[in-house]
Amino acid sequence: MARFVIVMGAAPQLKLSRTGREFDAALQPMAFDSHQAAWDYVLRHSEEPPLKGHRAEIIEDLSLRDQ
C-alpha cells in the first residue's frame, strides 16, 4: 500500500514528523494513506507552524510502503 508524507520543498529530506511539530530527517514521519489525505492536512494546517512560511510537497515514501 502506498504511503505519502509531507516534505519541506526546499529540503525534501526533511519530512513532517508524526507529531506535526517539526520537519526532521530522523524522526518517524507523519504518513497518510492517500495523496488526497496529505493534501487535506496541508490545506488545514498551512497557516500553522511548521508549515507556515514553507512550501510543502507531498511524496510517496517507498520506505513506508509495507507498513
N, C-alpha and C. Protein backbone atom coordinates (compact mmCIF):
# COMPACT_ATOMS: atom_id res chain seq x y z
N MET A 1 0.84 -1.18 0.00
CA MET A 1 0.00 0.00 0.00
C MET A 1 0.89 1.25 0.00
N ALA A 2 0.58 2.19 -0.82
CA ALA A 2 1.34 3.43 -0.90
C ALA A 2 1.13 4.26 0.36
N ARG A 3 2.20 4.90 0.82
CA ARG A 3 2.14 5.81 1.97
C ARG A 3 2.74 7.13 1.51
N PHE A 4 2.11 8.21 1.88
CA PHE A 4 2.54 9.54 1.46
C PHE A 4 2.97 10.35 2.67
N VAL A 5 3.98 11.19 2.46
CA VAL A 5 4.47 12.06 3.53
C VAL A 5 4.57 13.48 2.99
N ILE A 6 4.62 14.43 3.91
CA ILE A 6 4.78 15.83 3.56
C ILE A 6 6.23 16.19 3.82
N VAL A 7 6.88 16.76 2.82
CA VAL A 7 8.27 17.16 2.96
C VAL A 7 8.40 18.66 2.75
N MET A 8 9.49 19.22 3.25
CA MET A 8 9.77 20.64 3.05
C MET A 8 10.30 20.79 1.63
N GLY A 9 9.68 21.64 0.84
CA GLY A 9 10.05 21.80 -0.56
C GLY A 9 11.50 22.16 -0.78
N ALA A 10 12.07 23.03 0.07
CA ALA A 10 13.45 23.47 -0.08
C ALA A 10 14.45 22.42 0.40
N ALA A 11 13.98 21.46 1.18
CA ALA A 11 14.85 20.41 1.73
C ALA A 11 14.05 19.12 1.82
N PRO A 12 13.86 18.43 0.70
CA PRO A 12 12.95 17.28 0.68
C PRO A 12 13.37 16.10 1.55
N GLN A 13 14.59 16.12 2.08
CA GLN A 13 14.98 15.05 3.00
C GLN A 13 14.33 15.25 4.37
N LEU A 14 13.76 16.43 4.61
CA LEU A 14 13.10 16.73 5.88
C LEU A 14 11.61 16.45 5.75
N LYS A 15 11.13 15.49 6.51
CA LYS A 15 9.73 15.08 6.47
C LYS A 15 9.01 15.63 7.70
N LEU A 16 7.73 15.91 7.54
CA LEU A 16 6.92 16.35 8.68
C LEU A 16 6.84 15.20 9.67
N SER A 17 7.21 15.48 10.91
CA SER A 17 7.24 14.43 11.93
C SER A 17 5.84 13.96 12.27
N ARG A 18 5.77 12.79 12.87
CA ARG A 18 4.49 12.19 13.25
C ARG A 18 3.68 13.12 14.15
N THR A 19 4.36 13.91 14.99
CA THR A 19 3.66 14.84 15.89
C THR A 19 3.15 16.07 15.16
N GLY A 20 3.69 16.34 13.96
CA GLY A 20 3.28 17.52 13.20
C GLY A 20 3.91 18.80 13.71
N ARG A 21 4.90 18.71 14.58
CA ARG A 21 5.51 19.90 15.18
C ARG A 21 6.77 20.38 14.48
N GLU A 22 7.38 19.52 13.64
CA GLU A 22 8.65 19.90 13.02
C GLU A 22 8.91 19.05 11.79
N PHE A 23 9.83 19.56 10.97
CA PHE A 23 10.36 18.79 9.86
C PHE A 23 11.67 18.19 10.34
N ASP A 24 11.90 16.92 10.06
CA ASP A 24 13.10 16.26 10.56
C ASP A 24 13.43 15.08 9.65
N ALA A 25 14.71 14.75 9.57
CA ALA A 25 15.14 13.62 8.75
C ALA A 25 15.21 12.32 9.54
N ALA A 26 15.25 12.41 10.87
CA ALA A 26 15.44 11.22 11.69
C ALA A 26 14.17 10.73 12.38
N LEU A 27 13.26 11.61 12.70
CA LEU A 27 12.04 11.22 13.41
C LEU A 27 11.09 10.46 12.49
N GLN A 28 10.22 9.66 13.08
CA GLN A 28 9.19 8.95 12.33
C GLN A 28 8.28 9.97 11.64
N PRO A 29 8.06 9.85 10.32
CA PRO A 29 7.23 10.84 9.63
C PRO A 29 5.74 10.60 9.83
N MET A 30 4.98 11.66 9.66
CA MET A 30 3.52 11.55 9.63
C MET A 30 3.17 10.96 8.26
N ALA A 31 2.54 9.81 8.24
CA ALA A 31 2.24 9.13 6.98
C ALA A 31 0.74 9.13 6.72
N PHE A 32 0.39 9.23 5.45
CA PHE A 32 -1.00 9.28 5.03
C PHE A 32 -1.26 8.14 4.04
N ASP A 33 -2.48 7.63 4.05
CA ASP A 33 -2.84 6.53 3.15
C ASP A 33 -3.07 6.98 1.72
N SER A 34 -3.27 8.27 1.52
CA SER A 34 -3.51 8.76 0.16
C SER A 34 -2.92 10.16 -0.01
N HIS A 35 -2.67 10.50 -1.25
CA HIS A 35 -2.20 11.84 -1.57
C HIS A 35 -3.25 12.86 -1.15
N GLN A 36 -4.51 12.54 -1.36
CA GLN A 36 -5.60 13.46 -1.00
C GLN A 36 -5.63 13.73 0.49
N ALA A 37 -5.43 12.71 1.31
CA ALA A 37 -5.42 12.90 2.77
C ALA A 37 -4.27 13.82 3.19
N ALA A 38 -3.12 13.64 2.57
CA ALA A 38 -1.98 14.51 2.87
C ALA A 38 -2.28 15.95 2.43
N TRP A 39 -2.89 16.09 1.26
CA TRP A 39 -3.24 17.42 0.75
C TRP A 39 -4.24 18.11 1.68
N ASP A 40 -5.22 17.37 2.15
CA ASP A 40 -6.20 17.92 3.09
C ASP A 40 -5.51 18.42 4.35
N TYR A 41 -4.53 17.66 4.84
CA TYR A 41 -3.78 18.08 6.04
C TYR A 41 -3.04 19.39 5.76
N VAL A 42 -2.38 19.47 4.60
CA VAL A 42 -1.65 20.70 4.25
C VAL A 42 -2.61 21.88 4.20
N LEU A 43 -3.76 21.71 3.59
CA LEU A 43 -4.72 22.81 3.50
C LEU A 43 -5.21 23.26 4.87
N ARG A 44 -5.47 22.31 5.77
CA ARG A 44 -5.97 22.64 7.11
C ARG A 44 -4.91 23.30 7.99
N HIS A 45 -3.64 22.98 7.76
CA HIS A 45 -2.58 23.42 8.67
C HIS A 45 -1.55 24.35 8.03
N SER A 46 -1.82 24.87 6.85
CA SER A 46 -0.82 25.67 6.14
C SER A 46 -0.49 27.00 6.81
N GLU A 47 -1.34 27.48 7.68
CA GLU A 47 -1.09 28.74 8.38
C GLU A 47 -0.57 28.53 9.80
N GLU A 48 -0.17 27.30 10.11
CA GLU A 48 0.35 26.96 11.44
C GLU A 48 1.78 26.44 11.30
N PRO A 49 2.61 26.66 12.34
CA PRO A 49 3.95 26.07 12.32
C PRO A 49 3.83 24.54 12.32
N PRO A 50 4.68 23.82 11.69
CA PRO A 50 5.85 24.25 10.96
C PRO A 50 5.59 24.51 9.48
N LEU A 51 4.35 24.32 9.01
CA LEU A 51 4.06 24.51 7.58
C LEU A 51 4.06 25.98 7.17
N LYS A 52 3.68 26.87 8.07
CA LYS A 52 3.57 28.29 7.73
C LYS A 52 4.92 28.83 7.25
N GLY A 53 4.89 29.45 6.09
CA GLY A 53 6.09 30.05 5.52
C GLY A 53 6.97 29.10 4.74
N HIS A 54 6.55 27.84 4.61
CA HIS A 54 7.33 26.86 3.86
C HIS A 54 6.49 26.28 2.74
N ARG A 55 7.15 25.91 1.67
CA ARG A 55 6.49 25.22 0.57
C ARG A 55 6.52 23.73 0.89
N ALA A 56 5.36 23.16 1.06
CA ALA A 56 5.26 21.73 1.36
C ALA A 56 5.04 20.95 0.08
N GLU A 57 5.64 19.79 0.00
CA GLU A 57 5.42 18.88 -1.11
C GLU A 57 4.97 17.54 -0.55
N ILE A 58 4.18 16.84 -1.31
CA ILE A 58 3.69 15.52 -0.91
C ILE A 58 4.35 14.50 -1.82
N ILE A 59 4.98 13.51 -1.19
CA ILE A 59 5.66 12.48 -1.97
C ILE A 59 5.25 11.10 -1.46
N GLU A 60 5.35 10.12 -2.33
CA GLU A 60 5.17 8.73 -1.89
C GLU A 60 6.48 8.28 -1.26
N ASP A 61 6.41 7.78 -0.05
CA ASP A 61 7.60 7.32 0.67
C ASP A 61 7.70 5.81 0.51
N LEU A 62 8.59 5.37 -0.36
CA LEU A 62 8.71 3.95 -0.65
C LEU A 62 9.21 3.16 0.55
N SER A 63 9.91 3.81 1.47
CA SER A 63 10.40 3.10 2.66
C SER A 63 9.26 2.72 3.60
N LEU A 64 8.09 3.33 3.43
CA LEU A 64 6.93 3.03 4.27
C LEU A 64 5.91 2.15 3.57
N ARG A 65 6.22 1.69 2.40
CA ARG A 65 5.25 1.01 1.54
C ARG A 65 4.54 -0.17 2.21
N ASP A 66 5.23 -1.00 2.97
CA ASP A 66 4.62 -2.19 3.56
C ASP A 66 4.31 -2.02 5.04
N GLN A 67 4.27 -0.81 5.51
CA GLN A 67 3.99 -0.57 6.93
C GLN A 67 2.56 -0.19 7.15
